C-alpha atoms as a PDB file:
ATOM      1  CA  MET A   1      71.920 100.918 109.083  1.00  0.00           C
ATOM      2  CA  THR A   2      70.994 104.085 107.116  1.00  0.00           C
ATOM      3  CA  ASP A   3      72.676 107.432 106.754  1.00  0.00           C
ATOM      4  CA  HIS A   4      71.958 110.752 105.080  1.00  0.00           C
ATOM      5  CA  GLN A   5      73.185 111.536 101.623  1.00  0.00           C
ATOM      6  CA  PRO A   6      76.785 112.716 102.277  1.00  0.00           C
ATOM      7  CA  GLY A   7      78.815 115.589 100.945  1.00  0.00           C
ATOM      8  CA  PRO A   8      81.864 114.869  98.766  1.00  0.00           C
ATOM      9  CA  THR A   9      84.118 114.224 101.743  1.00  0.00           C
ATOM     10  CA  SER A  10      81.701 112.595 104.212  1.00  0.00           C
ATOM     11  CA  PRO A  11      83.487 110.360 106.766  1.00  0.00           C
ATOM     12  CA  LYS A  12      81.410 107.308 105.730  1.00  0.00           C
ATOM     13  CA  ALA A  13      82.384 107.674 102.048  1.00  0.00           C
ATOM     14  CA  GLN A  14      86.020 108.172 102.989  1.00  0.00           C
ATOM     15  CA  LEU A  15      85.974 104.966 105.116  1.00  0.00           C
ATOM     16  CA  ILE A  16      84.411 102.941 102.326  1.00  0.00           C
ATOM     17  CA  ALA A  17      86.906 104.398  99.833  1.00  0.00           C
ATOM     18  CA  GLY A  18      89.723 103.387 102.171  1.00  0.00           C
ATOM     19  CA  GLU A  19      88.565  99.797 102.325  1.00  0.00           C
ATOM     20  CA  VAL A  20      88.057  99.536  98.582  1.00  0.00           C
ATOM     21  CA  ARG A  21      91.477 101.127  98.070  1.00  0.00           C
ATOM     22  CA  ARG A  22      93.030  98.532 100.418  1.00  0.00           C
ATOM     23  CA  ARG A  23      91.481  95.661  98.437  1.00  0.00           C
ATOM     24  CA  ILE A  24      92.883  97.082  95.204  1.00  0.00           C
ATOM     25  CA  VAL A  25      96.405  97.747  96.618  1.00  0.00           C
ATOM     26  CA  GLU A  26      96.578  94.361  98.272  1.00  0.00           C
ATOM     27  CA  ARG A  27      95.308  92.753  95.017  1.00  0.00           C
ATOM     28  CA  GLU A  28      92.198  91.202  96.518  1.00  0.00           C
ATOM     29  CA  TRP A  29      90.603  92.760  93.473  1.00  0.00           C
ATOM     30  CA  GLN A  30      92.876  92.410  90.450  1.00  0.00           C
ATOM     31  CA  GLN A  31      93.453  94.939  87.642  1.00  0.00           C
ATOM     32  CA  GLY A  32      90.680  94.713  85.089  1.00  0.00           C
ATOM     33  CA  GLU A  33      88.375  92.843  87.410  1.00  0.00           C
ATOM     34  CA  ARG A  34      84.805  94.081  87.818  1.00  0.00           C
ATOM     35  CA  ILE A  35      84.037  94.919  91.402  1.00  0.00           C
ATOM     36  CA  PRO A  36      80.613  94.249  93.041  1.00  0.00           C
ATOM     37  CA  ASP A  37      77.758  96.497  92.102  1.00  0.00           C
ATOM     38  CA  GLU A  38      76.911  99.584  94.187  1.00  0.00           C
ATOM     39  CA  ALA A  39      73.848  97.917  95.611  1.00  0.00           C
ATOM     40  CA  ASP A  40      75.841  94.924  96.799  1.00  0.00           C
ATOM     41  CA  LEU A  41      78.569  97.151  98.327  1.00  0.00           C
ATOM     42  CA  ALA A  42      75.872  99.209 100.035  1.00  0.00           C
ATOM     43  CA  VAL A  43      74.754  96.022 101.841  1.00  0.00           C
ATOM     44  CA  THR A  44      78.314  94.966 102.588  1.00  0.00           C
ATOM     45  CA  PHE A  45      79.218  98.333 104.140  1.00  0.00           C
ATOM     46  CA  GLY A  46      75.829  99.048 105.744  1.00  0.00           C
ATOM     47  CA  ALA A  47      75.572 102.362 103.897  1.00  0.00           C
ATOM     48  CA  ALA A  48      73.286 104.167 101.525  1.00  0.00           C
ATOM     49  CA  ARG A  49      73.920 103.524  97.852  1.00  0.00           C
ATOM     50  CA  ALA A  50      74.585 107.248  97.330  1.00  0.00           C
ATOM     51  CA  THR A  51      77.375 106.934  99.883  1.00  0.00           C
ATOM     52  CA  VAL A  52      78.958 104.039  98.047  1.00  0.00           C
ATOM     53  CA  ASN A  53      78.680 106.035  94.822  1.00  0.00           C
ATOM     54  CA  LYS A  54      80.631 108.911  96.412  1.00  0.00           C
ATOM     55  CA  ALA A  55      83.289 106.568  97.640  1.00  0.00           C
ATOM     56  CA  LEU A  56      83.792 104.896  94.277  1.00  0.00           C
ATOM     57  CA  GLN A  57      83.897 108.264  92.546  1.00  0.00           C
ATOM     58  CA  LEU A  58      86.733 109.336  94.884  1.00  0.00           C
ATOM     59  CA  LEU A  59      88.719 106.307  93.709  1.00  0.00           C
ATOM     60  CA  ALA A  60      87.812 106.896  90.049  1.00  0.00           C
ATOM     61  CA  ASP A  61      89.102 110.460  90.462  1.00  0.00           C
ATOM     62  CA  GLU A  62      92.383 109.006  91.760  1.00  0.00           C
ATOM     63  CA  GLY A  63      92.593 106.750  88.708  1.00  0.00           C
ATOM     64  CA  LEU A  64      92.190 103.455  90.615  1.00  0.00           C
ATOM     65  CA  LEU A  65      88.728 102.598  89.206  1.00  0.00           C
ATOM     66  CA  ASP A  66      87.308 102.672  85.660  1.00  0.00           C
ATOM     67  CA  ARG A  67      83.592 103.479  85.839  1.00  0.00           C
ATOM     68  CA  ARG A  68      81.479 103.074  82.706  1.00  0.00           C
ATOM     69  CA  ARG A  69      77.754 103.386  82.389  1.00  0.00           C
ATOM     70  CA  ARG A  70      76.106  99.947  81.857  1.00  0.00           C
ATOM     71  CA  ALA A  71      79.518  98.249  81.999  1.00  0.00           C
ATOM     72  CA  GLY A  72      79.940  98.480  85.743  1.00  0.00           C
ATOM     73  CA  THR A  73      83.033  99.464  87.639  1.00  0.00           C
ATOM     74  CA  ARG A  74      86.386  97.770  87.192  1.00  0.00           C
ATOM     75  CA  VAL A  75      89.809  98.086  88.745  1.00  0.00           C
ATOM     76  CA  ALA A  76      91.872 100.237  86.402  1.00  0.00           C
ATOM     77  CA  VAL A  77      94.565  98.438  84.362  1.00  0.00           C
ATOM     78  CA  ASN A  78      97.958 100.061  85.085  1.00  0.00           C
ATOM     79  CA  PRO A  79      96.284 102.800  87.179  1.00  0.00           C
ATOM     80  CA  VAL A  80      97.779 106.240  87.030  1.00  0.00           C
ATOM     81  CA  ARG A  81      96.827 108.917  89.498  1.00  0.00           C
ATOM     82  CA  LYS A  82      94.954 111.651  87.578  1.00  0.00           C
ATOM     83  CA  ALA A  83      96.212 114.511  89.712  1.00  0.00           C
ATOM     84  CA  VAL A  84      99.848 115.096  90.631  1.00  0.00           C
ATOM     85  CA  PHE A  85     100.453 116.874  93.890  1.00  0.00           C
ATOM     86  CA  THR A  86     103.801 117.066  95.683  1.00  0.00           C
ATOM     87  CA  ILE A  87     103.787 118.301  99.277  1.00  0.00           C
ATOM     88  CA  PRO A  88     106.596 120.817  99.564  1.00  0.00           C
ATOM     89  CA  ILE A  89     109.273 120.468 102.207  1.00  0.00           C
ATOM     90  CA  ILE A  90     109.369 123.843 103.894  1.00  0.00           C
ATOM     91  CA  ARG A  91     113.044 123.596 104.762  1.00  0.00           C
ATOM     92  CA  GLU A  92     113.994 123.133 101.130  1.00  0.00           C
ATOM     93  CA  GLN A  93     111.833 126.131 100.112  1.00  0.00           C
ATOM     94  CA  VAL A  94     113.464 128.390 102.679  1.00  0.00           C
ATOM     95  CA  GLU A  95     116.939 127.288 101.741  1.00  0.00           C
ATOM     96  CA  SER A  96     116.262 127.599  97.980  1.00  0.00           C
ATOM     97  CA  ALA A  97     115.385 131.229  98.655  1.00  0.00           C
ATOM     98  CA  GLY A  98     118.897 131.716 100.061  1.00  0.00           C
ATOM     99  CA  MET A  99     117.820 131.849 103.708  1.00  0.00           C
ATOM    100  CA  GLU A 100     118.945 129.829 106.723  1.00  0.00           C
ATOM    101  CA  TYR A 101     116.123 127.509 107.911  1.00  0.00           C
ATOM    102  CA  SER A 102     115.104 126.921 111.468  1.00  0.00           C
ATOM    103  CA  HIS A 103     111.940 125.895 113.274  1.00  0.00           C
ATOM    104  CA  ARG A 104     110.507 125.959 116.759  1.00  0.00           C
ATOM    105  CA  VAL A 105     107.922 123.657 118.360  1.00  0.00           C
ATOM    106  CA  ILE A 106     105.409 125.717 120.325  1.00  0.00           C
ATOM    107  CA  ALA A 107     103.421 122.803 121.765  1.00  0.00           C
ATOM    108  CA  GLN A 108     103.259 119.028 121.316  1.00  0.00           C
ATOM    109  CA  ARG A 109     100.903 116.733 123.189  1.00  0.00           C
ATOM    110  CA  ARG A 110      98.522 113.806 122.756  1.00  0.00           C
ATOM    111  CA  SER A 111      95.016 115.215 122.780  1.00  0.00           C
ATOM    112  CA  PRO A 112      91.421 114.186 121.848  1.00  0.00           C
ATOM    113  CA  VAL A 113      90.728 115.372 118.301  1.00  0.00           C
ATOM    114  CA  PRO A 114      87.934 117.972 118.125  1.00  0.00           C
ATOM    115  CA  GLU A 115      84.693 116.990 116.363  1.00  0.00           C
ATOM    116  CA  ALA A 116      85.144 119.316 113.396  1.00  0.00           C
ATOM    117  CA  ILE A 117      88.622 118.046 112.616  1.00  0.00           C
ATOM    118  CA  ALA A 118      87.608 114.430 113.229  1.00  0.00           C
ATOM    119  CA  THR A 119      84.772 114.841 110.737  1.00  0.00           C
ATOM    120  CA  ARG A 120      87.133 116.331 108.167  1.00  0.00           C
ATOM    121  CA  ILE A 121      89.449 113.295 108.224  1.00  0.00           C
ATOM    122  CA  GLY A 122      86.918 110.536 108.958  1.00  0.00           C
ATOM    123  CA  LEU A 123      87.750 109.637 112.553  1.00  0.00           C
ATOM    124  CA  PRO A 124      85.543 109.427 115.640  1.00  0.00           C
ATOM    125  CA  ALA A 125      85.580 112.603 117.716  1.00  0.00           C
ATOM    126  CA  GLY A 126      87.721 112.241 120.786  1.00  0.00           C
ATOM    127  CA  ARG A 127      90.308 109.856 119.197  1.00  0.00           C
ATOM    128  CA  ILE A 128      93.723 110.544 120.724  1.00  0.00           C
ATOM    129  CA  LEU A 129      96.107 112.089 118.154  1.00  0.00           C
ATOM    130  CA  ILE A 130      99.310 114.052 118.383  1.00  0.00           C
ATOM    131  CA  HIS A 131      98.610 117.796 118.320  1.00  0.00           C
ATOM    132  CA  LEU A 132     101.617 119.800 117.218  1.00  0.00           C
ATOM    133  CA  ARG A 133     102.076 123.552 116.757  1.00  0.00           C
ATOM    134  CA  ALA A 134     105.331 124.852 115.190  1.00  0.00           C
ATOM    135  CA  VAL A 135     106.749 127.892 113.457  1.00  0.00           C
ATOM    136  CA  HIS A 136     109.162 127.691 110.514  1.00  0.00           C
ATOM    137  CA  TYR A 137     111.674 130.495 110.034  1.00  0.00           C
ATOM    138  CA  GLY A 138     113.905 131.871 107.254  1.00  0.00           C
ATOM    139  CA  ASN A 139     116.849 133.937 108.586  1.00  0.00           C
ATOM    140  CA  ASP A 140     114.980 134.091 111.916  1.00  0.00           C
ATOM    141  CA  ARG A 141     111.943 135.640 110.266  1.00  0.00           C
ATOM    142  CA  ALA A 142     108.675 133.740 110.733  1.00  0.00           C
ATOM    143  CA  PHE A 143     107.705 132.014 107.464  1.00  0.00           C
ATOM    144  CA  GLN A 144     104.849 129.664 108.390  1.00  0.00           C
ATOM    145  CA  PHE A 145     102.857 128.726 111.445  1.00  0.00           C
ATOM    146  CA  GLU A 146     101.400 125.233 111.370  1.00  0.00           C
ATOM    147  CA  ASP A 147      98.790 123.698 113.629  1.00  0.00           C
ATOM    148  CA  ARG A 148      98.894 119.980 112.951  1.00  0.00           C
ATOM    149  CA  TRP A 149      97.150 116.811 114.085  1.00  0.00           C
ATOM    150  CA  ILE A 150      98.974 113.473 113.374  1.00  0.00           C
ATOM    151  CA  ASN A 151      97.453 109.998 113.517  1.00  0.00           C
ATOM    152  CA  PRO A 152     100.101 107.608 115.001  1.00  0.00           C
ATOM    153  CA  ASP A 153      98.198 104.568 113.632  1.00  0.00           C
ATOM    154  CA  SER A 154      98.966 105.697 110.057  1.00  0.00           C
ATOM    155  CA  ALA A 155     102.610 106.851 110.628  1.00  0.00           C
ATOM    156  CA  PRO A 156     104.665 103.967 111.996  1.00  0.00           C
ATOM    157  CA  GLY A 157     107.800 105.075 113.855  1.00  0.00           C
ATOM    158  CA  LEU A 158     106.290 108.351 114.900  1.00  0.00           C
ATOM    159  CA  ASP A 159     106.961 107.706 118.578  1.00  0.00           C
ATOM    160  CA  THR A 160     110.701 107.671 118.057  1.00  0.00           C
ATOM    161  CA  VAL A 161     110.817 111.098 116.397  1.00  0.00           C
ATOM    162  CA  ASP A 162     111.911 114.247 118.267  1.00  0.00           C
ATOM    163  CA  PHE A 163     110.147 117.046 116.316  1.00  0.00           C
ATOM    164  CA  ARG A 164     112.289 119.661 118.044  1.00  0.00           C
ATOM    165  CA  HIS A 165     115.155 118.470 115.826  1.00  0.00           C
ATOM    166  CA  GLN A 166     113.295 117.330 112.690  1.00  0.00           C
ATOM    167  CA  ASN A 167     110.194 119.176 111.604  1.00  0.00           C
ATOM    168  CA  ALA A 168     106.981 117.217 111.177  1.00  0.00           C
ATOM    169  CA  ASN A 169     106.425 118.443 107.637  1.00  0.00           C
ATOM    170  CA  GLU A 170     109.687 116.882 106.372  1.00  0.00           C
ATOM    171  CA  TRP A 171     109.435 113.697 108.429  1.00  0.00           C
ATOM    172  CA  LEU A 172     105.937 112.920 107.188  1.00  0.00           C
ATOM    173  CA  VAL A 173     106.787 113.632 103.564  1.00  0.00           C
ATOM    174  CA  ARG A 174     109.732 111.209 103.711  1.00  0.00           C
ATOM    175  CA  ASN A 175     108.240 108.517 105.963  1.00  0.00           C
ATOM    176  CA  ALA A 176     104.475 108.496 105.536  1.00  0.00           C
ATOM    177  CA  PRO A 177     103.612 108.387 101.863  1.00  0.00           C
ATOM    178  CA  TYR A 178      99.994 109.222 101.105  1.00  0.00           C
ATOM    179  CA  LEU A 179      97.481 107.863  98.620  1.00  0.00           C
ATOM    180  CA  ARG A 180      95.056 110.777  98.719  1.00  0.00           C
ATOM    181  CA  ALA A 181      95.141 114.435  99.732  1.00  0.00           C
ATOM    182  CA  ASP A 182      92.558 117.135 100.205  1.00  0.00           C
ATOM    183  CA  ILE A 183      93.834 120.785  99.873  1.00  0.00           C
ATOM    184  CA  ALA A 184      92.000 124.009 100.382  1.00  0.00           C
ATOM    185  CA  PHE A 185      93.289 127.612 100.268  1.00  0.00           C
ATOM    186  CA  SER A 186      91.586 130.636 101.842  1.00  0.00           C
ATOM    187  CA  ALA A 187      92.329 134.162 102.955  1.00  0.00           C
ATOM    188  CA  GLU A 188      91.863 134.858 106.647  1.00  0.00           C
ATOM    189  CA  ASN A 189      92.594 137.742 109.014  1.00  0.00           C
ATOM    190  CA  ALA A 190      95.280 136.873 111.506  1.00  0.00           C
ATOM    191  CA  ASP A 191      93.898 136.006 114.938  1.00  0.00           C
ATOM    192  CA  ARG A 192      95.792 136.719 118.128  1.00  0.00           C
ATOM    193  CA  ARG A 193      97.886 133.513 117.920  1.00  0.00           C
ATOM    194  CA  ASP A 194      98.652 133.928 114.178  1.00  0.00           C
ATOM    195  CA  ALA A 195      99.701 137.528 114.783  1.00  0.00           C
ATOM    196  CA  ARG A 196     101.935 136.717 117.730  1.00  0.00           C
ATOM    197  CA  LEU A 197     103.762 133.763 116.080  1.00  0.00           C
ATOM    198  CA  LEU A 198     104.108 135.243 112.596  1.00  0.00           C
ATOM    199  CA  ARG A 199     104.966 138.730 114.037  1.00  0.00           C
ATOM    200  CA  VAL A 200     102.300 140.549 112.103  1.00  0.00           C
ATOM    201  CA  PRO A 201      99.474 142.898 113.220  1.00  0.00           C
ATOM    202  CA  LYS A 202      96.275 141.251 114.400  1.00  0.00           C
ATOM    203  CA  GLY A 203      93.785 141.319 111.495  1.00  0.00           C
ATOM    204  CA  GLN A 204      96.542 141.107 108.872  1.00  0.00           C
ATOM    205  CA  ALA A 205      95.283 139.276 105.773  1.00  0.00           C
ATOM    206  CA  LEU A 206      97.024 135.866 105.513  1.00  0.00           C
ATOM    207  CA  LEU A 207      97.085 132.982 103.091  1.00  0.00           C
ATOM    208  CA  ILE A 208      95.790 129.848 104.850  1.00  0.00           C
ATOM    209  CA  LEU A 209      96.222 126.321 103.692  1.00  0.00           C
ATOM    210  CA  HIS A 210      94.248 123.344 104.988  1.00  0.00           C
ATOM    211  CA  ARG A 211      95.760 120.015 103.939  1.00  0.00           C
ATOM    212  CA  SER A 212      94.819 116.453 104.944  1.00  0.00           C
ATOM    213  CA  THR A 213      96.371 113.202 103.724  1.00  0.00           C
ATOM    214  CA  TRP A 214      95.415 109.530 103.937  1.00  0.00           C
ATOM    215  CA  ASN A 215      97.017 106.172 103.304  1.00  0.00           C
ATOM    216  CA  ASP A 216      95.710 102.602 103.539  1.00  0.00           C
ATOM    217  CA  ALA A 217      95.664 102.758 107.334  1.00  0.00           C
ATOM    218  CA  GLY A 218      93.504 105.857 107.418  1.00  0.00           C
ATOM    219  CA  PRO A 219      94.164 109.566 107.884  1.00  0.00           C
ATOM    220  CA  ILE A 220      97.865 110.493 108.317  1.00  0.00           C
ATOM    221  CA  THR A 221      97.672 114.151 109.230  1.00  0.00           C
ATOM    222  CA  THR A 222      95.606 117.285 108.863  1.00  0.00           C
ATOM    223  CA  VAL A 223      97.224 120.686 109.144  1.00  0.00           C
ATOM    224  CA  ARG A 224      96.308 124.401 109.043  1.00  0.00           C
ATOM    225  CA  ILE A 225      99.172 126.439 107.708  1.00  0.00           C
ATOM    226  CA  ALA A 226      99.210 130.220 108.103  1.00  0.00           C
ATOM    227  CA  CYS A 227     101.726 131.874 105.757  1.00  0.00           C
ATOM    228  CA  HIS A 228     103.546 135.127 106.330  1.00  0.00           C
ATOM    229  CA  PRO A 229     102.443 137.949 103.962  1.00  0.00           C
ATOM    230  CA  GLY A 230     104.487 137.763 100.735  1.00  0.00           C
ATOM    231  CA  TYR A 231     104.950 133.990 100.996  1.00  0.00           C
ATOM    232  CA  VAL A 232     104.907 132.159  97.608  1.00  0.00           C
ATOM    233  CA  MET A 233     103.771 128.526  97.589  1.00  0.00           C
ATOM    234  CA  SER A 234     104.784 125.938  95.069  1.00  0.00           C
ATOM    235  CA  THR A 235     102.909 122.583  95.024  1.00  0.00           C
ATOM    236  CA  ALA A 236     104.264 120.956  91.843  1.00  0.00           C
ATOM    237  CA  GLY A 237     107.232 118.647  91.988  1.00  0.00           C
END
């Protein structure tokens, strides 16, 4: 099996990283132990060596692997994540600003995940996930609109949650701890849905956050968050 040289977040590299991470977390590979060479792992996973390199670099960036030229790659001793990122709980942010928090679920259903989103998180297109759209409010003023996909396989207990009473952001932060996150910010003009739900003019410039998280079972969730103009985001805990 061959594949093209991937980008930094190619699905194949993410899947390999997930399996290597599992072996480390479950102590199949012990701290300080040298792991198989890239060429051997490429055969094991049926992937190009460049793909394996990308996967191992992801784990080195997380602090789980120690990669040294000519000395090979070893499981880090007392690994410490190199980047600290705390996902904010929107309810707490609203309340800390002195406002009363509320939220409303616009839609919730099990749906096939679109190809573009599936590629982003390393799942086959068409996999059935939970698709949730919700708006968060502060003093009845729209604060954020989130368009979220959740993978039930990576979030045990999800089927018992009523997201009309507990928002998905808070439940996932408290019940589905992640090992890795990808975050991207951009500025976009509000489309018709953004404008209607955030109560802003169509075309209004908005801060947009795309965030995806993974654990040992695979992707947990990926979400597009559209923020009301003037919103201030804090990501450090």
